[in-house]
Amino acid sequence: MLNGEKITDIARKKLYLNTHLLITDNNLIEIENCKKVVEYNDIYLKILTSNMILEVMGSELSISDYNTDGIIIRGKISSVEFMKR
């Protein structure tokens, strides 16, 4: 380890593989480096990223602008939970 960092963490930073989130108020979340949408309905989303599982709870949730690198979640967001993979 270099200065307490694992080699995989260093590589992840250099290759831009980390998950990036932009949360705007409680109605928009932009997620970069999203790997897979595991579950999706209008009140719950479960998303798999390269290093975590992201759970979003709310109402009127929808996914837009889905591409190979990320998604945009819109709706009335009540909670976001991060879990280590």
N, C-alpha and C. Protein backbone atom coordinates (compact mmCIF):
# COMPACT_ATOMS: atom_id res chain seq x y z
N MET A 1 0.83 -1.19 0.00
CA MET A 1 0.00 0.00 0.00
C MET A 1 0.87 1.25 0.00
N LEU A 2 0.42 2.23 -0.74
CA LEU A 2 1.10 3.50 -0.79
C LEU A 2 0.32 4.51 0.04
N ASN A 3 0.92 4.98 1.13
CA ASN A 3 0.27 5.95 2.00
C ASN A 3 -1.13 5.51 2.42
N GLY A 4 -1.31 4.24 2.70
CA GLY A 4 -2.60 3.75 3.17
C GLY A 4 -3.62 3.47 2.07
N GLU A 5 -3.27 3.76 0.82
CA GLU A 5 -4.20 3.51 -0.28
C GLU A 5 -3.89 2.17 -0.94
N LYS A 6 -4.92 1.45 -1.28
CA LYS A 6 -4.75 0.20 -2.01
C LYS A 6 -4.45 0.50 -3.47
N ILE A 7 -3.77 -0.42 -4.12
CA ILE A 7 -3.46 -0.27 -5.54
C ILE A 7 -4.75 -0.15 -6.36
N THR A 8 -5.78 -0.91 -6.00
CA THR A 8 -7.05 -0.84 -6.74
C THR A 8 -7.70 0.53 -6.60
N ASP A 9 -7.57 1.16 -5.43
CA ASP A 9 -8.12 2.50 -5.24
C ASP A 9 -7.38 3.53 -6.09
N ILE A 10 -6.08 3.39 -6.18
CA ILE A 10 -5.28 4.30 -6.99
C ILE A 10 -5.64 4.14 -8.46
N ALA A 11 -5.74 2.89 -8.93
CA ALA A 11 -6.10 2.63 -10.32
C ALA A 11 -7.49 3.17 -10.63
N ARG A 12 -8.42 2.99 -9.71
CA ARG A 12 -9.80 3.47 -9.89
C ARG A 12 -9.82 4.98 -10.10
N LYS A 13 -9.02 5.71 -9.32
CA LYS A 13 -8.95 7.16 -9.46
C LYS A 13 -8.34 7.57 -10.79
N LYS A 14 -7.27 6.90 -11.17
CA LYS A 14 -6.57 7.25 -12.41
C LYS A 14 -7.39 6.94 -13.65
N LEU A 15 -8.18 5.87 -13.60
CA LEU A 15 -8.99 5.46 -14.75
C LEU A 15 -10.41 6.04 -14.70
N TYR A 16 -10.69 6.90 -13.74
CA TYR A 16 -12.01 7.52 -13.57
C TYR A 16 -13.11 6.47 -13.46
N LEU A 17 -12.90 5.45 -12.63
CA LEU A 17 -13.87 4.40 -12.43
C LEU A 17 -14.72 4.60 -11.19
N ASN A 18 -14.42 5.62 -10.40
CA ASN A 18 -15.22 5.90 -9.21
C ASN A 18 -16.61 6.36 -9.60
N THR A 19 -17.55 6.15 -8.73
CA THR A 19 -18.91 6.60 -8.94
C THR A 19 -19.01 8.08 -8.55
N HIS A 20 -19.60 8.87 -9.42
CA HIS A 20 -19.78 10.29 -9.15
C HIS A 20 -21.27 10.58 -9.06
N LEU A 21 -21.68 11.28 -8.01
CA LEU A 21 -23.07 11.63 -7.79
C LEU A 21 -23.23 13.14 -7.73
N LEU A 22 -24.28 13.63 -8.34
CA LEU A 22 -24.67 15.02 -8.22
C LEU A 22 -26.12 15.02 -7.77
N ILE A 23 -26.37 15.52 -6.57
CA ILE A 23 -27.72 15.57 -6.03
C ILE A 23 -28.17 17.02 -6.01
N THR A 24 -29.31 17.28 -6.66
CA THR A 24 -29.87 18.62 -6.71
C THR A 24 -31.19 18.62 -5.95
N ASP A 25 -31.20 19.33 -4.84
CA ASP A 25 -32.36 19.36 -3.95
C ASP A 25 -32.81 17.93 -3.66
N ASN A 26 -34.11 17.69 -3.65
CA ASN A 26 -34.58 16.32 -3.43
C ASN A 26 -35.34 15.81 -4.65
N ASN A 27 -34.97 16.34 -5.84
CA ASN A 27 -35.71 15.93 -7.02
C ASN A 27 -34.84 15.49 -8.20
N LEU A 28 -33.53 15.43 -8.05
CA LEU A 28 -32.68 15.02 -9.16
C LEU A 28 -31.37 14.43 -8.63
N ILE A 29 -30.99 13.28 -9.18
CA ILE A 29 -29.69 12.68 -8.89
C ILE A 29 -29.08 12.26 -10.22
N GLU A 30 -27.86 12.71 -10.48
CA GLU A 30 -27.11 12.26 -11.65
C GLU A 30 -26.03 11.31 -11.15
N ILE A 31 -25.96 10.12 -11.75
CA ILE A 31 -24.99 9.11 -11.34
C ILE A 31 -24.11 8.75 -12.53
N GLU A 32 -22.81 8.95 -12.39
CA GLU A 32 -21.86 8.55 -13.42
C GLU A 32 -21.21 7.24 -13.02
N ASN A 33 -20.87 6.43 -13.98
CA ASN A 33 -20.28 5.10 -13.80
C ASN A 33 -21.25 4.13 -13.14
N CYS A 34 -22.48 4.19 -13.58
CA CYS A 34 -23.50 3.25 -13.15
C CYS A 34 -23.36 1.98 -13.99
N LYS A 35 -23.32 0.83 -13.33
CA LYS A 35 -23.13 -0.43 -14.04
C LYS A 35 -24.44 -1.10 -14.43
N LYS A 36 -25.42 -1.09 -13.51
CA LYS A 36 -26.65 -1.83 -13.76
C LYS A 36 -27.77 -1.33 -12.86
N VAL A 37 -28.98 -1.25 -13.40
CA VAL A 37 -30.16 -0.99 -12.60
C VAL A 37 -30.72 -2.35 -12.21
N VAL A 38 -30.68 -2.66 -10.92
CA VAL A 38 -31.09 -3.97 -10.42
C VAL A 38 -32.60 -4.03 -10.22
N GLU A 39 -33.18 -3.01 -9.59
CA GLU A 39 -34.62 -2.91 -9.37
C GLU A 39 -35.06 -1.50 -9.68
N TYR A 40 -36.28 -1.38 -10.21
CA TYR A 40 -36.77 -0.05 -10.57
C TYR A 40 -38.29 -0.04 -10.57
N ASN A 41 -38.87 0.84 -9.76
CA ASN A 41 -40.28 1.17 -9.86
C ASN A 41 -40.44 2.62 -9.42
N ASP A 42 -41.66 3.11 -9.28
CA ASP A 42 -41.84 4.54 -9.02
C ASP A 42 -41.56 4.97 -7.58
N ILE A 43 -41.25 4.01 -6.68
CA ILE A 43 -40.92 4.40 -5.30
C ILE A 43 -39.55 3.90 -4.84
N TYR A 44 -38.91 3.03 -5.63
CA TYR A 44 -37.64 2.41 -5.19
C TYR A 44 -36.75 2.12 -6.39
N LEU A 45 -35.47 2.45 -6.23
CA LEU A 45 -34.45 2.13 -7.23
C LEU A 45 -33.26 1.48 -6.54
N LYS A 46 -32.74 0.43 -7.13
CA LYS A 46 -31.52 -0.20 -6.64
C LYS A 46 -30.54 -0.23 -7.80
N ILE A 47 -29.38 0.40 -7.62
CA ILE A 47 -28.43 0.59 -8.69
C ILE A 47 -27.08 0.03 -8.28
N LEU A 48 -26.46 -0.69 -9.18
CA LEU A 48 -25.15 -1.28 -8.97
C LEU A 48 -24.10 -0.40 -9.65
N THR A 49 -23.10 0.02 -8.88
CA THR A 49 -21.98 0.78 -9.45
C THR A 49 -20.73 -0.08 -9.32
N SER A 50 -19.60 0.46 -9.70
CA SER A 50 -18.37 -0.33 -9.68
C SER A 50 -17.94 -0.73 -8.28
N ASN A 51 -18.29 0.05 -7.26
CA ASN A 51 -17.82 -0.27 -5.92
C ASN A 51 -18.89 -0.19 -4.82
N MET A 52 -20.15 0.05 -5.20
CA MET A 52 -21.20 0.13 -4.19
C MET A 52 -22.57 -0.17 -4.78
N ILE A 53 -23.51 -0.36 -3.88
CA ILE A 53 -24.92 -0.50 -4.25
C ILE A 53 -25.61 0.75 -3.73
N LEU A 54 -26.38 1.38 -4.58
CA LEU A 54 -27.06 2.61 -4.24
C LEU A 54 -28.56 2.35 -4.24
N GLU A 55 -29.24 2.67 -3.15
CA GLU A 55 -30.69 2.53 -3.05
C GLU A 55 -31.31 3.91 -2.90
N VAL A 56 -32.31 4.18 -3.72
CA VAL A 56 -33.01 5.46 -3.70
C VAL A 56 -34.48 5.19 -3.42
N MET A 57 -35.02 5.88 -2.42
CA MET A 57 -36.44 5.77 -2.06
C MET A 57 -37.11 7.12 -2.29
N GLY A 58 -38.38 7.07 -2.67
CA GLY A 58 -39.12 8.30 -2.88
C GLY A 58 -40.46 8.02 -3.52
N SER A 59 -40.94 8.96 -4.30
CA SER A 59 -42.19 8.78 -5.04
C SER A 59 -42.03 9.42 -6.41
N GLU A 60 -42.81 8.91 -7.34
CA GLU A 60 -42.78 9.41 -8.73
C GLU A 60 -41.37 9.34 -9.32
N LEU A 61 -40.59 8.32 -8.96
CA LEU A 61 -39.22 8.20 -9.45
C LEU A 61 -39.23 7.73 -10.90
N SER A 62 -38.33 8.31 -11.68
CA SER A 62 -38.16 7.89 -13.07
C SER A 62 -36.69 8.02 -13.45
N ILE A 63 -36.29 7.19 -14.39
CA ILE A 63 -34.92 7.23 -14.90
C ILE A 63 -34.96 7.83 -16.30
N SER A 64 -34.06 8.77 -16.55
CA SER A 64 -33.97 9.34 -17.88
C SER A 64 -32.50 9.42 -18.29
N ASP A 65 -32.29 9.66 -19.54
CA ASP A 65 -30.95 9.83 -20.10
C ASP A 65 -30.04 8.66 -19.76
N TYR A 66 -30.58 7.44 -19.85
CA TYR A 66 -29.78 6.26 -19.55
C TYR A 66 -28.79 6.01 -20.68
N ASN A 67 -27.53 5.95 -20.35
CA ASN A 67 -26.50 5.60 -21.33
C ASN A 67 -25.52 4.64 -20.68
N THR A 68 -24.46 4.32 -21.37
CA THR A 68 -23.52 3.32 -20.85
C THR A 68 -22.75 3.80 -19.63
N ASP A 69 -22.69 5.10 -19.40
CA ASP A 69 -21.90 5.62 -18.28
C ASP A 69 -22.71 6.13 -17.10
N GLY A 70 -23.99 6.39 -17.29
CA GLY A 70 -24.71 6.96 -16.17
C GLY A 70 -26.19 7.10 -16.42
N ILE A 71 -26.87 7.57 -15.37
CA ILE A 71 -28.32 7.78 -15.43
C ILE A 71 -28.67 9.06 -14.68
N ILE A 72 -29.89 9.53 -14.94
CA ILE A 72 -30.46 10.65 -14.21
C ILE A 72 -31.76 10.16 -13.59
N ILE A 73 -31.88 10.36 -12.28
CA ILE A 73 -33.09 9.98 -11.56
C ILE A 73 -33.84 11.25 -11.20
N ARG A 74 -35.12 11.26 -11.52
CA ARG A 74 -35.98 12.41 -11.19
C ARG A 74 -37.16 11.92 -10.35
N GLY A 75 -37.67 12.78 -9.52
CA GLY A 75 -38.83 12.45 -8.70
C GLY A 75 -38.70 13.12 -7.34
N LYS A 76 -39.54 12.71 -6.43
CA LYS A 76 -39.50 13.23 -5.06
C LYS A 76 -38.67 12.26 -4.22
N ILE A 77 -37.40 12.57 -4.03
CA ILE A 77 -36.45 11.68 -3.37
C ILE A 77 -36.50 11.89 -1.86
N SER A 78 -36.74 10.80 -1.13
CA SER A 78 -36.81 10.91 0.34
C SER A 78 -35.55 10.38 1.02
N SER A 79 -34.85 9.39 0.38
CA SER A 79 -33.62 8.90 0.99
C SER A 79 -32.73 8.25 -0.05
N VAL A 80 -31.42 8.29 0.24
CA VAL A 80 -30.41 7.65 -0.58
C VAL A 80 -29.52 6.87 0.37
N GLU A 81 -29.32 5.58 0.07
CA GLU A 81 -28.50 4.72 0.94
C GLU A 81 -27.36 4.15 0.12
N PHE A 82 -26.17 4.16 0.72
CA PHE A 82 -24.97 3.62 0.10
C PHE A 82 -24.54 2.36 0.83
N MET A 83 -24.32 1.29 0.09
CA MET A 83 -23.86 0.04 0.68
C MET A 83 -22.62 -0.44 -0.08
N LYS A 84 -21.65 -0.89 0.65
CA LYS A 84 -20.42 -1.43 0.05
C LYS A 84 -20.72 -2.75 -0.65
N ARG A 85 -20.12 -2.96 -1.81
CA ARG A 85 -20.28 -4.22 -2.55
C ARG A 85 -19.38 -5.27 -2.00
